[in-house]
Amino acid sequence: MGTRTSGSVGGQGKRSGSKDRHRASGLPNHVVKLAGEAVDKVRRQEWNAHGKSTTPGGKWVKGTRWSLLKAPERQSVEQLAILGEVQQANRKLYRGFPLKEELRMLYQLDDPALAPEHLEAWLAWACRSRLKPFVKLSRTIRKHRDGILAAIRLGLSNARLEGLNSKVRLISHRSFGFHSAAPLIALIYLCCGGIEIDLPVR
């Protein structure tokens, strides 16, 4: 293999596509990701309002990131304790957390027939939250409401696609030094295409 250059396959080039590329999908990971982004925007607004990292208050807000983003069942005891502090010390910052979690729960309802009612209640709550990122998100969700509910009704999930994307990204990292896309494509087919090669000696 030759020396890798900035133009090599697998190099760190500019990302293509719109930053809103997930918004037209009703699949779980995309919707939950948007909710997480809204929570983090609220946190950043509070971080800016408290002097960023130049003040104790700003440093504390910065340290709440993972407690606000992670699902409660995946948090450590320390992260849950920080979440409790947020609930007591900064109600505006905390309001984004249950909004994010209730939207996530939309995909975990025991009865999918309850999804329209659950979503309408969430949309009304988000609109009244006075949190600009969630007000904006509610408009996006309302715009794609039918697609979201259809994905829930049909039981659609992008888990397999996300898994495949992760594998392709890993293969791309292994392709540093390739001078064209053809070897990378061949490697993807070999690793992901279910191709079995009979070795001459077993």
N, C-alpha and C. Protein backbone atom coordinates (compact mmCIF):
# COMPACT_ATOMS: atom_id res chain seq x y z
N MET A 1 0.83 -1.20 0.00
CA MET A 1 0.00 0.00 0.00
C MET A 1 0.87 1.25 0.00
N GLY A 2 0.41 2.29 -0.67
CA GLY A 2 1.17 3.52 -0.71
C GLY A 2 0.96 4.36 0.53
N THR A 3 1.67 5.45 0.58
CA THR A 3 1.53 6.37 1.71
C THR A 3 0.19 7.07 1.64
N ARG A 4 -0.49 7.16 2.77
CA ARG A 4 -1.81 7.79 2.79
C ARG A 4 -1.67 9.29 2.59
N THR A 5 -2.51 9.82 1.76
CA THR A 5 -2.58 11.26 1.56
C THR A 5 -3.93 11.76 1.99
N SER A 6 -4.11 13.07 1.96
CA SER A 6 -5.38 13.65 2.39
C SER A 6 -6.53 13.22 1.50
N GLY A 7 -6.19 12.76 0.28
CA GLY A 7 -7.25 12.34 -0.63
C GLY A 7 -7.50 10.86 -0.62
N SER A 8 -6.80 10.10 0.25
CA SER A 8 -6.94 8.65 0.27
C SER A 8 -8.33 8.26 0.72
N VAL A 9 -8.75 7.07 0.29
CA VAL A 9 -10.02 6.53 0.76
C VAL A 9 -9.94 6.34 2.26
N GLY A 10 -10.99 6.75 2.99
CA GLY A 10 -10.99 6.62 4.44
C GLY A 10 -10.39 7.80 5.15
N GLY A 11 -9.91 8.80 4.39
CA GLY A 11 -9.34 9.98 5.01
C GLY A 11 -10.39 10.83 5.66
N GLN A 12 -9.97 11.78 6.46
CA GLN A 12 -10.89 12.63 7.20
C GLN A 12 -11.30 13.81 6.34
N GLY A 13 -12.17 13.60 5.40
CA GLY A 13 -12.67 14.68 4.57
C GLY A 13 -13.86 15.34 5.21
N LYS A 14 -14.45 16.33 4.49
CA LYS A 14 -15.61 17.02 5.01
C LYS A 14 -16.82 16.10 4.95
N ARG A 15 -17.66 16.17 5.95
CA ARG A 15 -18.88 15.38 5.96
C ARG A 15 -19.86 15.99 4.98
N SER A 16 -20.52 15.13 4.23
CA SER A 16 -21.50 15.63 3.26
C SER A 16 -22.89 15.46 3.83
N GLY A 17 -23.83 16.18 3.24
CA GLY A 17 -25.21 16.04 3.67
C GLY A 17 -25.61 17.14 4.63
N SER A 18 -26.89 17.29 4.79
CA SER A 18 -27.43 18.33 5.66
C SER A 18 -27.34 17.91 7.11
N LYS A 19 -27.17 18.89 8.00
CA LYS A 19 -27.15 18.60 9.43
C LYS A 19 -28.52 18.13 9.89
N ASP A 20 -29.54 18.35 9.09
CA ASP A 20 -30.89 17.93 9.46
C ASP A 20 -31.28 16.65 8.73
N ARG A 21 -30.29 15.83 8.33
CA ARG A 21 -30.58 14.68 7.48
C ARG A 21 -31.48 13.65 8.16
N HIS A 22 -31.53 13.65 9.51
CA HIS A 22 -32.34 12.65 10.20
C HIS A 22 -33.79 13.09 10.37
N ARG A 23 -34.11 14.32 10.05
CA ARG A 23 -35.41 14.84 10.45
C ARG A 23 -36.56 14.29 9.63
N ALA A 24 -36.28 13.74 8.47
CA ALA A 24 -37.36 13.22 7.63
C ALA A 24 -37.68 11.78 7.97
N SER A 25 -37.07 11.22 9.00
CA SER A 25 -37.30 9.83 9.36
C SER A 25 -38.06 9.73 10.67
N GLY A 26 -38.97 8.73 10.74
CA GLY A 26 -39.69 8.50 11.99
C GLY A 26 -39.09 7.37 12.79
N LEU A 27 -37.92 6.89 12.40
CA LEU A 27 -37.30 5.76 13.08
C LEU A 27 -36.78 6.17 14.45
N PRO A 28 -36.79 5.22 15.40
CA PRO A 28 -36.50 5.54 16.81
C PRO A 28 -35.21 6.29 17.05
N ASN A 29 -34.09 5.79 16.52
CA ASN A 29 -32.80 6.42 16.81
C ASN A 29 -32.76 7.88 16.36
N HIS A 30 -33.40 8.17 15.23
CA HIS A 30 -33.36 9.53 14.71
C HIS A 30 -34.16 10.48 15.59
N VAL A 31 -35.35 10.07 15.99
CA VAL A 31 -36.20 10.93 16.80
C VAL A 31 -35.59 11.14 18.18
N VAL A 32 -35.11 10.07 18.81
CA VAL A 32 -34.50 10.18 20.13
C VAL A 32 -33.24 11.03 20.07
N LYS A 33 -32.49 10.92 18.97
CA LYS A 33 -31.29 11.74 18.81
C LYS A 33 -31.65 13.22 18.79
N LEU A 34 -32.73 13.57 18.09
CA LEU A 34 -33.16 14.97 18.05
C LEU A 34 -33.55 15.47 19.44
N ALA A 35 -34.19 14.61 20.23
CA ALA A 35 -34.56 15.00 21.59
C ALA A 35 -33.31 15.23 22.44
N GLY A 36 -32.29 14.37 22.27
CA GLY A 36 -31.05 14.55 22.99
C GLY A 36 -30.35 15.84 22.60
N GLU A 37 -30.40 16.17 21.32
CA GLU A 37 -29.80 17.43 20.86
C GLU A 37 -30.52 18.63 21.46
N ALA A 38 -31.84 18.53 21.60
CA ALA A 38 -32.60 19.64 22.20
C ALA A 38 -32.22 19.82 23.67
N VAL A 39 -32.07 18.72 24.40
CA VAL A 39 -31.65 18.81 25.80
C VAL A 39 -30.29 19.48 25.90
N ASP A 40 -29.37 19.09 25.02
CA ASP A 40 -28.02 19.64 25.09
C ASP A 40 -28.00 21.11 24.73
N LYS A 41 -28.90 21.54 23.84
CA LYS A 41 -28.99 22.97 23.51
C LYS A 41 -29.47 23.77 24.72
N VAL A 42 -30.41 23.22 25.46
CA VAL A 42 -30.87 23.88 26.69
C VAL A 42 -29.71 23.99 27.68
N ARG A 43 -28.96 22.91 27.80
CA ARG A 43 -27.81 22.92 28.72
C ARG A 43 -26.78 23.97 28.29
N ARG A 44 -26.52 24.07 26.99
CA ARG A 44 -25.55 25.04 26.50
C ARG A 44 -26.04 26.48 26.75
N GLN A 45 -27.33 26.69 26.60
CA GLN A 45 -27.89 28.02 26.88
C GLN A 45 -27.67 28.39 28.34
N GLU A 46 -27.90 27.44 29.24
CA GLU A 46 -27.68 27.70 30.66
C GLU A 46 -26.19 27.87 30.96
N TRP A 47 -25.37 27.11 30.28
CA TRP A 47 -23.92 27.23 30.45
C TRP A 47 -23.45 28.63 30.05
N ASN A 48 -23.95 29.13 28.92
CA ASN A 48 -23.61 30.50 28.49
C ASN A 48 -24.12 31.53 29.48
N ALA A 49 -25.36 31.30 29.99
CA ALA A 49 -25.97 32.25 30.91
C ALA A 49 -25.24 32.31 32.25
N HIS A 50 -24.54 31.24 32.60
CA HIS A 50 -23.83 31.18 33.88
C HIS A 50 -22.33 31.42 33.72
N GLY A 51 -21.94 32.09 32.64
CA GLY A 51 -20.54 32.47 32.49
C GLY A 51 -19.64 31.38 31.95
N LYS A 52 -20.23 30.41 31.28
CA LYS A 52 -19.46 29.28 30.70
C LYS A 52 -18.61 28.63 31.79
N SER A 53 -17.34 28.34 31.47
CA SER A 53 -16.51 27.63 32.44
C SER A 53 -15.65 28.56 33.28
N THR A 54 -15.99 29.85 33.25
CA THR A 54 -15.21 30.82 34.04
C THR A 54 -15.78 31.01 35.44
N THR A 55 -16.93 30.41 35.72
CA THR A 55 -17.56 30.53 37.03
C THR A 55 -17.88 29.15 37.58
N PRO A 56 -18.01 29.01 38.90
CA PRO A 56 -18.40 27.71 39.46
C PRO A 56 -19.73 27.22 38.92
N GLY A 57 -20.70 28.16 38.73
CA GLY A 57 -22.00 27.77 38.20
C GLY A 57 -21.90 27.23 36.78
N GLY A 58 -21.08 27.88 35.97
CA GLY A 58 -20.89 27.42 34.60
C GLY A 58 -20.23 26.06 34.54
N LYS A 59 -19.23 25.83 35.39
CA LYS A 59 -18.56 24.53 35.44
C LYS A 59 -19.52 23.43 35.89
N TRP A 60 -20.40 23.78 36.83
CA TRP A 60 -21.38 22.79 37.30
C TRP A 60 -22.34 22.41 36.18
N VAL A 61 -22.83 23.41 35.43
CA VAL A 61 -23.74 23.13 34.32
C VAL A 61 -23.05 22.25 33.28
N LYS A 62 -21.79 22.53 33.00
CA LYS A 62 -21.05 21.72 32.02
C LYS A 62 -20.98 20.26 32.47
N GLY A 63 -20.84 20.04 33.77
CA GLY A 63 -20.72 18.68 34.29
C GLY A 63 -22.01 17.89 34.33
N THR A 64 -23.14 18.51 33.96
CA THR A 64 -24.43 17.81 33.99
C THR A 64 -24.75 17.12 32.67
N ARG A 65 -23.87 17.23 31.69
CA ARG A 65 -24.20 16.79 30.32
C ARG A 65 -24.68 15.35 30.25
N TRP A 66 -23.89 14.40 30.77
CA TRP A 66 -24.25 12.99 30.61
C TRP A 66 -25.44 12.60 31.47
N SER A 67 -25.63 13.28 32.59
CA SER A 67 -26.81 13.00 33.42
C SER A 67 -28.08 13.38 32.70
N LEU A 68 -28.01 14.40 31.85
CA LEU A 68 -29.19 14.84 31.10
C LEU A 68 -29.39 14.04 29.82
N LEU A 69 -28.31 13.54 29.24
CA LEU A 69 -28.41 12.86 27.95
C LEU A 69 -28.69 11.37 28.07
N LYS A 70 -28.16 10.72 29.08
CA LYS A 70 -28.29 9.26 29.19
C LYS A 70 -29.64 8.88 29.79
N ALA A 71 -30.14 7.72 29.37
CA ALA A 71 -31.37 7.19 29.96
C ALA A 71 -31.11 6.83 31.42
N PRO A 72 -32.09 7.01 32.31
CA PRO A 72 -31.87 6.75 33.74
C PRO A 72 -31.34 5.36 34.04
N GLU A 73 -31.84 4.34 33.31
CA GLU A 73 -31.41 2.97 33.58
C GLU A 73 -29.96 2.71 33.19
N ARG A 74 -29.35 3.64 32.45
CA ARG A 74 -27.96 3.46 32.03
C ARG A 74 -26.99 4.36 32.80
N GLN A 75 -27.52 5.12 33.75
CA GLN A 75 -26.68 6.06 34.48
C GLN A 75 -26.06 5.41 35.71
N SER A 76 -24.87 5.91 36.04
CA SER A 76 -24.22 5.49 37.28
C SER A 76 -24.89 6.18 38.46
N VAL A 77 -24.56 5.74 39.66
CA VAL A 77 -25.11 6.35 40.87
C VAL A 77 -24.71 7.82 40.93
N GLU A 78 -23.49 8.11 40.55
CA GLU A 78 -23.01 9.50 40.57
C GLU A 78 -23.80 10.36 39.58
N GLN A 79 -24.07 9.83 38.40
CA GLN A 79 -24.82 10.59 37.39
C GLN A 79 -26.26 10.82 37.83
N LEU A 80 -26.86 9.82 38.48
CA LEU A 80 -28.21 10.00 39.01
C LEU A 80 -28.24 11.05 40.11
N ALA A 81 -27.18 11.09 40.92
CA ALA A 81 -27.09 12.10 41.98
C ALA A 81 -27.01 13.50 41.38
N ILE A 82 -26.23 13.64 40.30
CA ILE A 82 -26.13 14.94 39.63
C ILE A 82 -27.49 15.34 39.05
N LEU A 83 -28.22 14.36 38.49
CA LEU A 83 -29.55 14.64 37.95
C LEU A 83 -30.47 15.15 39.05
N GLY A 84 -30.36 14.58 40.24
CA GLY A 84 -31.14 15.05 41.38
C GLY A 84 -30.78 16.48 41.75
N GLU A 85 -29.49 16.81 41.67
CA GLU A 85 -29.05 18.18 41.95
C GLU A 85 -29.64 19.15 40.93
N VAL A 86 -29.66 18.72 39.66
CA VAL A 86 -30.22 19.58 38.61
C VAL A 86 -31.69 19.85 38.89
N GLN A 87 -32.42 18.84 39.31
CA GLN A 87 -33.85 18.99 39.60
C GLN A 87 -34.09 20.01 40.71
N GLN A 88 -33.20 20.03 41.69
CA GLN A 88 -33.35 20.94 42.81
C GLN A 88 -32.81 22.34 42.51
N ALA A 89 -31.71 22.42 41.76
CA ALA A 89 -30.99 23.69 41.62
C ALA A 89 -31.36 24.48 40.38
N ASN A 90 -31.79 23.80 39.30
CA ASN A 90 -32.03 24.52 38.06
C ASN A 90 -33.24 23.89 37.35
N ARG A 91 -34.41 24.39 37.65
CA ARG A 91 -35.64 23.80 37.12
C ARG A 91 -35.72 23.93 35.60
N LYS A 92 -35.23 25.04 35.08
CA LYS A 92 -35.27 25.23 33.63
C LYS A 92 -34.44 24.16 32.93
N LEU A 93 -33.25 23.92 33.44
CA LEU A 93 -32.37 22.91 32.86
C LEU A 93 -32.98 21.52 32.99
N TYR A 94 -33.61 21.26 34.12
CA TYR A 94 -34.17 19.93 34.35
C TYR A 94 -35.39 19.65 33.46
N ARG A 95 -36.16 20.69 33.10
CA ARG A 95 -37.38 20.48 32.33
C ARG A 95 -37.14 19.74 31.02
N GLY A 96 -35.96 19.92 30.45
CA GLY A 96 -35.67 19.24 29.20
C GLY A 96 -35.52 17.73 29.35
N PHE A 97 -35.12 17.29 30.54
CA PHE A 97 -34.87 15.85 30.74
C PHE A 97 -36.14 15.02 30.63
N PRO A 98 -37.21 15.30 31.37
CA PRO A 98 -38.43 14.50 31.20
C PRO A 98 -39.05 14.63 29.83
N LEU A 99 -38.86 15.78 29.17
CA LEU A 99 -39.35 15.92 27.80
C LEU A 99 -38.63 14.93 26.88
N LYS A 100 -37.34 14.84 27.04
CA LYS A 100 -36.56 13.90 26.24
C LYS A 100 -36.96 12.46 26.53
N GLU A 101 -37.15 12.15 27.82
CA GLU A 101 -37.49 10.78 28.20
C GLU A 101 -38.90 10.39 27.75
N GLU A 102 -39.85 11.31 27.81
CA GLU A 102 -41.20 10.99 27.38
C GLU A 102 -41.26 10.74 25.88
N LEU A 103 -40.44 11.44 25.12
CA LEU A 103 -40.39 11.18 23.68
C LEU A 103 -39.75 9.82 23.42
N ARG A 104 -38.76 9.46 24.20
CA ARG A 104 -38.14 8.14 24.07
C ARG A 104 -39.14 7.03 24.41
N MET A 105 -39.97 7.28 25.42
CA MET A 105 -40.96 6.30 25.84
C MET A 105 -42.01 6.03 24.75
N LEU A 106 -42.14 6.94 23.79
CA LEU A 106 -43.08 6.75 22.70
C LEU A 106 -42.81 5.44 21.98
N TYR A 107 -41.56 5.04 21.93
CA TYR A 107 -41.18 3.82 21.22
C TYR A 107 -41.15 2.59 22.12
N GLN A 108 -41.55 2.75 23.38
CA GLN A 108 -41.53 1.63 24.31
C GLN A 108 -42.90 1.38 24.94
N LEU A 109 -43.94 1.89 24.31
CA LEU A 109 -45.29 1.67 24.82
C LEU A 109 -45.68 0.21 24.67
N ASP A 110 -46.39 -0.30 25.68
CA ASP A 110 -46.86 -1.69 25.60
C ASP A 110 -47.87 -1.87 24.48
N ASP A 111 -48.68 -0.85 24.23
CA ASP A 111 -49.69 -0.92 23.19
C ASP A 111 -49.44 0.19 22.17
N PRO A 112 -48.97 -0.15 20.96
CA PRO A 112 -48.71 0.87 19.95
C PRO A 112 -49.92 1.73 19.61
N ALA A 113 -51.14 1.23 19.91
CA ALA A 113 -52.34 2.00 19.63
C ALA A 113 -52.41 3.26 20.48
N LEU A 114 -51.64 3.30 21.57
CA LEU A 114 -51.63 4.48 22.44
C LEU A 114 -50.67 5.56 21.94
N ALA A 115 -49.89 5.25 20.89
CA ALA A 115 -48.87 6.18 20.41
C ALA A 115 -49.43 7.53 19.97
N PRO A 116 -50.54 7.59 19.20
CA PRO A 116 -51.05 8.92 18.80
C PRO A 116 -51.40 9.81 19.98
N GLU A 117 -52.05 9.25 21.00
CA GLU A 117 -52.41 10.03 22.18
C GLU A 117 -51.16 10.48 22.94
N HIS A 118 -50.20 9.56 23.08
CA HIS A 118 -48.95 9.88 23.78
C HIS A 118 -48.21 11.00 23.06
N LEU A 119 -48.14 10.90 21.73
CA LEU A 119 -47.42 11.90 20.95
C LEU A 119 -48.10 13.26 21.01
N GLU A 120 -49.43 13.28 20.94
CA GLU A 120 -50.15 14.56 21.01
C GLU A 120 -49.92 15.23 22.36
N ALA A 121 -49.93 14.42 23.43
CA ALA A 121 -49.68 14.98 24.76
C ALA A 121 -48.26 15.55 24.84
N TRP A 122 -47.31 14.84 24.25
CA TRP A 122 -45.92 15.32 24.27
C TRP A 122 -45.80 16.63 23.48
N LEU A 123 -46.44 16.70 22.32
CA LEU A 123 -46.36 17.91 21.50
C LEU A 123 -46.93 19.12 22.24
N ALA A 124 -48.05 18.92 22.94
CA ALA A 124 -48.63 20.02 23.70
C ALA A 124 -47.70 20.45 24.84
N TRP A 125 -47.09 19.47 25.51
CA TRP A 125 -46.17 19.75 26.61
C TRP A 125 -44.94 20.50 26.10
N ALA A 126 -44.37 20.04 24.98
CA ALA A 126 -43.17 20.68 24.42
C ALA A 126 -43.46 22.12 24.01
N CYS A 127 -44.64 22.35 23.43
CA CYS A 127 -45.01 23.72 23.01
C CYS A 127 -45.14 24.67 24.20
N ARG A 128 -45.58 24.13 25.33
CA ARG A 128 -45.77 24.96 26.52
C ARG A 128 -44.53 25.06 27.39
N SER A 129 -43.47 24.35 27.03
CA SER A 129 -42.30 24.23 27.91
C SER A 129 -41.50 25.53 28.05
N ARG A 130 -41.67 26.46 27.11
CA ARG A 130 -40.89 27.70 27.08
C ARG A 130 -39.39 27.44 26.92
N LEU A 131 -39.06 26.26 26.40
CA LEU A 131 -37.69 25.92 26.06
C LEU A 131 -37.59 25.97 24.53
N LYS A 132 -36.89 26.94 24.00
CA LYS A 132 -36.87 27.15 22.55
C LYS A 132 -36.45 25.92 21.76
N PRO A 133 -35.42 25.16 22.20
CA PRO A 133 -35.05 23.97 21.43
C PRO A 133 -36.18 22.95 21.35
N PHE A 134 -36.99 22.83 22.41
CA PHE A 134 -38.08 21.86 22.38
C PHE A 134 -39.30 22.40 21.65
N VAL A 135 -39.51 23.69 21.69
CA VAL A 135 -40.58 24.28 20.88
C VAL A 135 -40.28 24.06 19.40
N LYS A 136 -39.02 24.27 19.02
CA LYS A 136 -38.61 24.04 17.64
C LYS A 136 -38.72 22.56 17.28
N LEU A 137 -38.30 21.69 18.20
CA LEU A 137 -38.40 20.25 17.95
C LEU A 137 -39.84 19.81 17.78
N SER A 138 -40.74 20.39 18.57
CA SER A 138 -42.15 20.01 18.46
C SER A 138 -42.70 20.32 17.07
N ARG A 139 -42.23 21.42 16.48
CA ARG A 139 -42.67 21.75 15.11
C ARG A 139 -42.16 20.70 14.12
N THR A 140 -40.90 20.28 14.31
CA THR A 140 -40.32 19.26 13.44
C THR A 140 -41.07 17.94 13.59
N ILE A 141 -41.34 17.54 14.84
CA ILE A 141 -42.05 16.28 15.10
C ILE A 141 -43.46 16.33 14.52
N ARG A 142 -44.13 17.47 14.69
CA ARG A 142 -45.49 17.59 14.15
C ARG A 142 -45.49 17.47 12.62
N LYS A 143 -44.45 18.04 12.00
CA LYS A 143 -44.34 17.97 10.55
C LYS A 143 -44.21 16.54 10.06
N HIS A 144 -43.52 15.69 10.85
CA HIS A 144 -43.29 14.30 10.45
C HIS A 144 -44.10 13.33 11.30
N ARG A 145 -45.19 13.83 11.88
CA ARG A 145 -46.01 13.02 12.78
C ARG A 145 -46.48 11.72 12.13
N ASP A 146 -46.99 11.79 10.91
CA ASP A 146 -47.53 10.59 10.26
C ASP A 146 -46.46 9.53 10.05
N GLY A 147 -45.26 9.95 9.66
CA GLY A 147 -44.17 9.00 9.47
C GLY A 147 -43.74 8.35 10.76
N ILE A 148 -43.71 9.14 11.84
CA ILE A 148 -43.33 8.61 13.15
C ILE A 148 -44.33 7.57 13.61
N LEU A 149 -45.61 7.88 13.50
CA LEU A 149 -46.65 6.94 13.94
C LEU A 149 -46.69 5.70 13.05
N ALA A 150 -46.41 5.88 11.77
CA ALA A 150 -46.38 4.72 10.87
C ALA A 150 -45.24 3.78 11.24
N ALA A 151 -44.09 4.35 11.60
CA ALA A 151 -42.95 3.52 12.00
C ALA A 151 -43.27 2.72 13.26
N ILE A 152 -43.99 3.34 14.19
CA ILE A 152 -44.38 2.64 15.42
C ILE A 152 -45.41 1.57 15.11
N ARG A 153 -46.39 1.90 14.29
CA ARG A 153 -47.46 0.96 13.96
C ARG A 153 -46.92 -0.28 13.23
N LEU A 154 -45.95 -0.06 12.35
CA LEU A 154 -45.40 -1.17 11.56
C LEU A 154 -44.23 -1.85 12.24
N GLY A 155 -43.81 -1.31 13.39
CA GLY A 155 -42.70 -1.92 14.12
C GLY A 155 -41.37 -1.77 13.42
N LEU A 156 -41.20 -0.67 12.69
CA LEU A 156 -39.96 -0.45 11.96
C LEU A 156 -38.85 -0.01 12.91
N SER A 157 -37.65 -0.46 12.63
CA SER A 157 -36.49 -0.08 13.42
C SER A 157 -35.29 0.05 12.50
N ASN A 158 -34.41 0.95 12.83
CA ASN A 158 -33.19 1.12 12.05
C ASN A 158 -31.98 0.49 12.74
N ALA A 159 -32.22 -0.43 13.68
CA ALA A 159 -31.11 -1.03 14.44
C ALA A 159 -30.14 -1.77 13.53
N ARG A 160 -30.66 -2.58 12.60
CA ARG A 160 -29.77 -3.34 11.72
C ARG A 160 -28.98 -2.41 10.79
N LEU A 161 -29.65 -1.36 10.32
CA LEU A 161 -28.97 -0.40 9.45
C LEU A 161 -27.87 0.33 10.20
N GLU A 162 -28.14 0.74 11.45
CA GLU A 162 -27.13 1.42 12.25
C GLU A 162 -25.95 0.50 12.51
N GLY A 163 -26.25 -0.79 12.76
CA GLY A 163 -25.17 -1.76 12.96
C GLY A 163 -24.30 -1.91 11.72
N LEU A 164 -24.94 -1.96 10.55
CA LEU A 164 -24.20 -2.05 9.30
C LEU A 164 -23.36 -0.80 9.07
N ASN A 165 -23.92 0.37 9.36
CA ASN A 165 -23.18 1.62 9.21
C ASN A 165 -21.93 1.63 10.09
N SER A 166 -22.06 1.14 11.32
CA SER A 166 -20.91 1.09 12.23
C SER A 166 -19.82 0.18 11.68
N LYS A 167 -20.25 -0.97 11.12
CA LYS A 167 -19.27 -1.90 10.56
C LYS A 167 -18.56 -1.28 9.36
N VAL A 168 -19.32 -0.58 8.50
CA VAL A 168 -18.72 0.05 7.33
C VAL A 168 -17.74 1.15 7.74
N ARG A 169 -18.06 1.90 8.78
CA ARG A 169 -17.13 2.94 9.27
C ARG A 169 -15.83 2.30 9.76
N LEU A 170 -15.95 1.16 10.45
CA LEU A 170 -14.75 0.47 10.93
C LEU A 170 -13.91 -0.01 9.75
N ILE A 171 -14.56 -0.56 8.72
CA ILE A 171 -13.84 -1.01 7.53
C ILE A 171 -13.17 0.18 6.84
N SER A 172 -13.84 1.32 6.82
CA SER A 172 -13.27 2.52 6.21
C SER A 172 -11.99 2.94 6.91
N HIS A 173 -11.97 2.81 8.25
CA HIS A 173 -10.74 3.15 8.98
C HIS A 173 -9.60 2.21 8.61
N ARG A 174 -9.94 0.96 8.31
CA ARG A 174 -8.92 -0.01 7.92
C ARG A 174 -8.42 0.23 6.49
N SER A 175 -9.11 1.08 5.75
CA SER A 175 -8.78 1.26 4.34
C SER A 175 -7.84 2.44 4.10
N PHE A 176 -7.27 3.01 5.15
CA PHE A 176 -6.31 4.10 4.96
C PHE A 176 -5.18 3.64 4.03
N GLY A 177 -4.90 4.45 3.02
CA GLY A 177 -3.84 4.11 2.09
C GLY A 177 -4.34 3.60 0.76
N PHE A 178 -5.62 3.18 0.69
CA PHE A 178 -6.18 2.74 -0.58
C PHE A 178 -6.25 3.96 -1.51
N HIS A 179 -5.88 3.76 -2.76
CA HIS A 179 -5.82 4.88 -3.70
C HIS A 179 -7.09 5.06 -4.53
N SER A 180 -8.03 4.18 -4.35
CA SER A 180 -9.31 4.31 -5.05
C SER A 180 -10.39 3.69 -4.19
N ALA A 181 -11.64 3.91 -4.59
CA ALA A 181 -12.75 3.38 -3.80
C ALA A 181 -12.97 1.89 -4.05
N ALA A 182 -12.46 1.35 -5.16
CA ALA A 182 -12.74 -0.05 -5.52
C ALA A 182 -12.29 -1.05 -4.44
N PRO A 183 -11.06 -0.95 -3.89
CA PRO A 183 -10.67 -1.90 -2.84
C PRO A 183 -11.55 -1.79 -1.59
N LEU A 184 -11.94 -0.56 -1.24
CA LEU A 184 -12.82 -0.37 -0.08
C LEU A 184 -14.17 -1.04 -0.31
N ILE A 185 -14.73 -0.84 -1.50
CA ILE A 185 -16.03 -1.46 -1.82
C ILE A 185 -15.92 -2.98 -1.78
N ALA A 186 -14.82 -3.51 -2.31
CA ALA A 186 -14.61 -4.96 -2.30
C ALA A 186 -14.51 -5.48 -0.86
N LEU A 187 -13.83 -4.72 -0.01
CA LEU A 187 -13.68 -5.13 1.39
C LEU A 187 -15.03 -5.10 2.12
N ILE A 188 -15.86 -4.12 1.80
CA ILE A 188 -17.19 -4.05 2.40
C ILE A 188 -18.03 -5.24 1.97
N TYR A 189 -18.00 -5.58 0.68
CA TYR A 189 -18.73 -6.76 0.20
C TYR A 189 -18.23 -8.03 0.88
N LEU A 190 -16.92 -8.13 1.05
CA LEU A 190 -16.33 -9.32 1.65
C LEU A 190 -16.77 -9.48 3.10
N CYS A 191 -16.77 -8.36 3.85
CA CYS A 191 -17.07 -8.41 5.28
C CYS A 191 -18.57 -8.39 5.60
N CYS A 192 -19.36 -7.76 4.74
CA CYS A 192 -20.78 -7.56 5.04
C CYS A 192 -21.74 -8.27 4.10
N GLY A 193 -21.21 -8.84 3.03
CA GLY A 193 -22.09 -9.42 2.02
C GLY A 193 -22.45 -10.86 2.21
N GLY A 194 -21.98 -11.48 3.29
CA GLY A 194 -22.30 -12.88 3.51
C GLY A 194 -21.56 -13.82 2.56
N ILE A 195 -20.46 -13.32 1.99
CA ILE A 195 -19.68 -14.12 1.06
C ILE A 195 -18.81 -15.11 1.84
N GLU A 196 -18.83 -16.37 1.43
CA GLU A 196 -18.00 -17.39 2.05
C GLU A 196 -16.96 -17.86 1.05
N ILE A 197 -15.71 -17.84 1.46
CA ILE A 197 -14.61 -18.25 0.60
C ILE A 197 -14.10 -19.61 1.07
N ASP A 198 -14.12 -20.60 0.17
CA ASP A 198 -13.60 -21.93 0.49
C ASP A 198 -12.09 -21.92 0.36
N LEU A 199 -11.41 -22.09 1.48
CA LEU A 199 -9.96 -22.10 1.47
C LEU A 199 -9.46 -23.42 0.89
N PRO A 200 -8.31 -23.40 0.21
CA PRO A 200 -7.80 -24.64 -0.39
C PRO A 200 -7.39 -25.68 0.63
N VAL A 201 -7.01 -25.21 1.82
CA VAL A 201 -6.60 -26.12 2.87
C VAL A 201 -7.42 -25.82 4.11
N ARG A 202 -8.08 -26.83 4.66
CA ARG A 202 -8.86 -26.66 5.87
C ARG A 202 -8.23 -27.42 7.02
